[in-house]
């Protein structure tokens, strides 16, 4: 179960995966994969109904801390194993806008206008959803959402700096 995903990632990974996408945007490209339209913070799925609950850079887009908590809880409820990746709030470049430091501003100062004006990525193309400021997470917050000993937080690095975090189930299949 890919929480918030689209066919793009799975098409680039290659064949051989039986993937179901859960997305609240009905226009999402599901390609050859099954798609369920629904809210990942309140997933319309049975507990432990999927071998893997997967999410790549989605949790920072679901809303405030309470919504992120619901999203993490649903991943843990639905999947036997969890893989949840998110960008590091403290990495100097916002991966959404490709602009340094914009995501360090207080949330009330971040706006669609600011992302559109300063975000290098948005000079070329954008969708309204991409212009929404993301609530990026620190490692400490990821550890609160996915606590030890059931989960470990793995750090991904770029240019020697911690770029993103992945919450993984400690006892994998």
Protein backbone atom coordinates (compact mmCIF):
# COMPACT_ATOMS: atom_id res chain seq x y z
CA UNK A 1 0.00 0.00 0.00
CA UNK A 2 1.53 3.28 -1.14
CA UNK A 3 0.13 6.06 1.04
CA UNK A 4 -0.16 9.14 -1.17
CA UNK A 5 1.72 7.70 -4.12
CA UNK A 6 1.31 7.61 -7.86
CA UNK A 7 2.32 5.30 -10.68
CA UNK A 8 5.40 7.41 -11.50
CA UNK A 9 7.63 5.95 -8.76
CA UNK A 10 6.61 2.34 -9.31
CA UNK A 11 7.00 2.61 -13.07
CA UNK A 12 10.58 3.80 -12.50
CA UNK A 13 11.38 1.05 -9.99
CA UNK A 14 10.38 -1.66 -12.43
CA UNK A 15 7.92 -4.50 -12.82
CA UNK A 16 7.03 -7.21 -10.37
CA UNK A 17 5.28 -5.24 -7.67
CA UNK A 18 1.64 -5.68 -6.69
CA UNK A 19 0.96 -2.10 -5.57
CA UNK A 20 -2.20 -0.39 -4.42
CA UNK A 21 -2.15 3.41 -4.26
CA UNK A 22 -4.09 5.34 -1.63
CA UNK A 23 -4.52 8.96 -2.66
CA UNK A 24 -7.03 11.69 -1.91
CA UNK A 25 -6.56 13.23 -5.37
CA UNK A 26 -8.82 11.26 -7.76
CA UNK A 27 -6.92 12.63 -10.77
CA UNK A 28 -3.69 10.93 -9.63
CA UNK A 29 -2.15 8.75 -12.33
CA UNK A 30 -2.64 5.17 -11.13
CA UNK A 31 -1.36 3.66 -14.37
CA UNK A 32 -1.48 -0.12 -14.19
CA UNK A 33 -1.86 -0.11 -10.40
CA UNK A 34 -5.01 -0.34 -8.32
CA UNK A 35 -6.00 2.92 -6.67
CA UNK A 36 -8.21 3.66 -3.71
CA UNK A 37 -9.38 7.25 -3.40
CA UNK A 38 -9.38 8.18 0.26
CA UNK A 39 -7.79 10.07 3.12
CA UNK A 40 -4.58 8.43 4.32
CA UNK A 41 -5.10 9.97 7.77
CA UNK A 42 -8.27 7.87 8.05
CA UNK A 43 -7.48 4.99 5.71
CA UNK A 44 -10.50 2.93 4.60
CA UNK A 45 -8.48 -0.27 5.04
CA UNK A 46 -8.47 -3.22 7.42
CA UNK A 47 -5.71 -3.55 10.03
CA UNK A 48 -2.58 -5.39 8.85
CA UNK A 49 -4.21 -5.86 5.44
CA UNK A 50 -1.00 -5.09 3.50
CA UNK A 51 2.48 -6.55 3.79
CA UNK A 52 4.09 -3.11 3.45
CA UNK A 53 2.76 0.37 4.18
CA UNK A 54 4.97 2.63 2.06
CA UNK A 55 5.17 6.41 1.82
CA UNK A 56 7.72 8.62 0.08
CA UNK A 57 7.70 12.33 0.96
CA UNK A 58 4.00 12.56 1.77
CA UNK A 59 3.69 12.89 5.55
CA UNK A 60 4.94 16.49 5.46
CA UNK A 61 2.00 17.40 3.18
CA UNK A 62 -0.92 16.04 5.22
CA UNK A 63 -1.23 19.07 7.51
CA UNK A 64 -0.37 19.89 11.09
CA UNK A 65 1.12 17.66 13.80
CA UNK A 66 -2.23 16.01 14.58
CA UNK A 67 -2.75 15.08 10.93
CA UNK A 68 0.81 13.74 10.72
CA UNK A 69 0.16 11.64 13.82
CA UNK A 70 -3.02 10.20 12.24
CA UNK A 71 -1.11 9.46 9.03
CA UNK A 72 1.68 7.64 10.93
CA UNK A 73 -0.85 5.73 13.06
CA UNK A 74 -2.72 4.59 9.94
CA UNK A 75 0.47 3.38 8.27
CA UNK A 76 1.32 1.37 11.38
CA UNK A 77 -2.21 -0.03 11.62
CA UNK A 78 -2.55 -1.05 7.95
CA UNK A 79 0.93 -2.40 7.20
CA UNK A 80 2.76 -5.37 8.66
CA UNK A 81 5.96 -3.50 7.79
CA UNK A 82 6.33 0.29 7.47
CA UNK A 83 8.60 2.38 5.22
CA UNK A 84 7.94 6.11 5.65
CA UNK A 85 10.40 8.60 4.14
CA UNK A 86 10.35 12.37 4.71
CA UNK A 87 12.76 15.25 4.04
CA UNK A 88 14.71 16.59 7.01
CA UNK A 89 13.39 19.93 8.21
CA UNK A 90 16.94 21.03 9.01
CA UNK A 91 18.45 20.30 5.58
CA UNK A 92 19.29 23.75 4.12
CA UNK A 93 17.45 23.27 0.80
CA UNK A 94 13.69 22.79 0.67
CA UNK A 95 13.24 19.78 -1.64
CA UNK A 96 9.82 21.01 -2.77
CA UNK A 97 10.85 24.44 -4.03
CA UNK A 98 14.60 23.78 -4.44
CA UNK A 99 15.20 27.00 -2.53
CA UNK A 100 17.54 27.35 0.44
CA UNK A 101 16.17 28.20 3.88
CA UNK A 102 12.55 29.07 2.88
CA UNK A 103 11.19 26.19 4.96
CA UNK A 104 12.92 27.55 8.08
CA UNK A 105 10.62 30.57 8.16
CA UNK A 106 7.73 30.42 10.62
CA UNK A 107 4.78 28.62 9.03
CA UNK A 108 2.62 31.76 9.05
CA UNK A 109 5.18 33.52 6.82
CA UNK A 110 5.31 30.73 4.27
CA UNK A 111 2.79 31.20 1.49
CA UNK A 112 1.92 30.12 -2.03
CA UNK A 113 3.15 33.51 -3.23
CA UNK A 114 6.53 33.09 -1.53
CA UNK A 115 6.99 29.58 -2.91
CA UNK A 116 6.00 30.75 -6.39
CA UNK A 117 8.28 33.83 -6.29
CA UNK A 118 11.38 32.24 -4.76
CA UNK A 119 11.05 28.56 -5.56
CA UNK A 120 13.34 27.67 -8.45
CA UNK A 121 11.28 24.57 -9.19
CA UNK A 122 8.11 26.63 -9.65
CA UNK A 123 9.61 28.88 -12.30
CA UNK A 124 9.26 25.95 -14.68
CA UNK A 125 6.10 24.13 -13.59
CA UNK A 126 3.86 23.65 -10.58
CA UNK A 127 0.55 22.37 -9.38
CA UNK A 128 -1.53 24.05 -6.65
CA UNK A 129 -0.72 21.19 -4.25
CA UNK A 130 3.02 21.70 -4.76
CA UNK A 131 2.69 25.37 -3.81
CA UNK A 132 1.31 24.53 -0.37
CA UNK A 133 3.99 24.91 2.32
CA UNK A 134 4.93 21.55 3.81
CA UNK A 135 5.17 20.80 7.54
CA UNK A 136 8.60 19.19 7.35
CA UNK A 137 9.75 16.96 10.20
CA UNK A 138 12.89 16.70 12.30
CA UNK A 139 14.39 13.38 13.34
CA UNK A 140 13.03 13.90 16.85
CA UNK A 141 9.48 14.27 15.51
CA UNK A 142 9.88 11.20 13.32
CA UNK A 143 10.97 9.28 16.43
CA UNK A 144 7.81 10.42 18.22
CA UNK A 145 5.64 9.27 15.31
CA UNK A 146 7.49 5.96 14.88
CA UNK A 147 8.89 5.09 18.34
CA UNK A 148 11.61 2.61 19.21
CA UNK A 149 11.90 -0.30 19.72
CA UNK A 150 9.27 -1.08 17.06
CA UNK A 151 10.79 1.35 14.55
CA UNK A 152 14.22 2.59 13.64
CA UNK A 153 14.90 5.92 11.95
CA UNK A 154 17.48 5.70 9.16
CA UNK A 155 19.14 8.90 7.96
CA UNK A 156 19.86 9.57 4.27
CA UNK A 157 22.72 11.97 3.51
CA UNK A 158 23.46 14.41 0.67
CA UNK A 159 26.68 16.43 0.54
CA UNK A 160 27.53 15.06 4.01
CA UNK A 161 24.36 16.53 5.55
CA UNK A 162 21.31 14.62 6.82
CA UNK A 163 18.85 15.07 3.91
CA UNK A 164 15.92 12.86 4.93
CA UNK A 165 14.71 10.23 7.35
CA UNK A 166 13.12 6.84 6.83
CA UNK A 167 11.06 5.14 9.52
CA UNK A 168 11.38 1.36 9.17
CA UNK A 169 9.76 -1.43 11.12
CA UNK A 170 12.47 -3.01 13.28
CA UNK A 171 11.43 -6.64 12.65
CA UNK A 172 10.88 -6.74 8.93
CA UNK A 173 9.22 -9.65 7.10
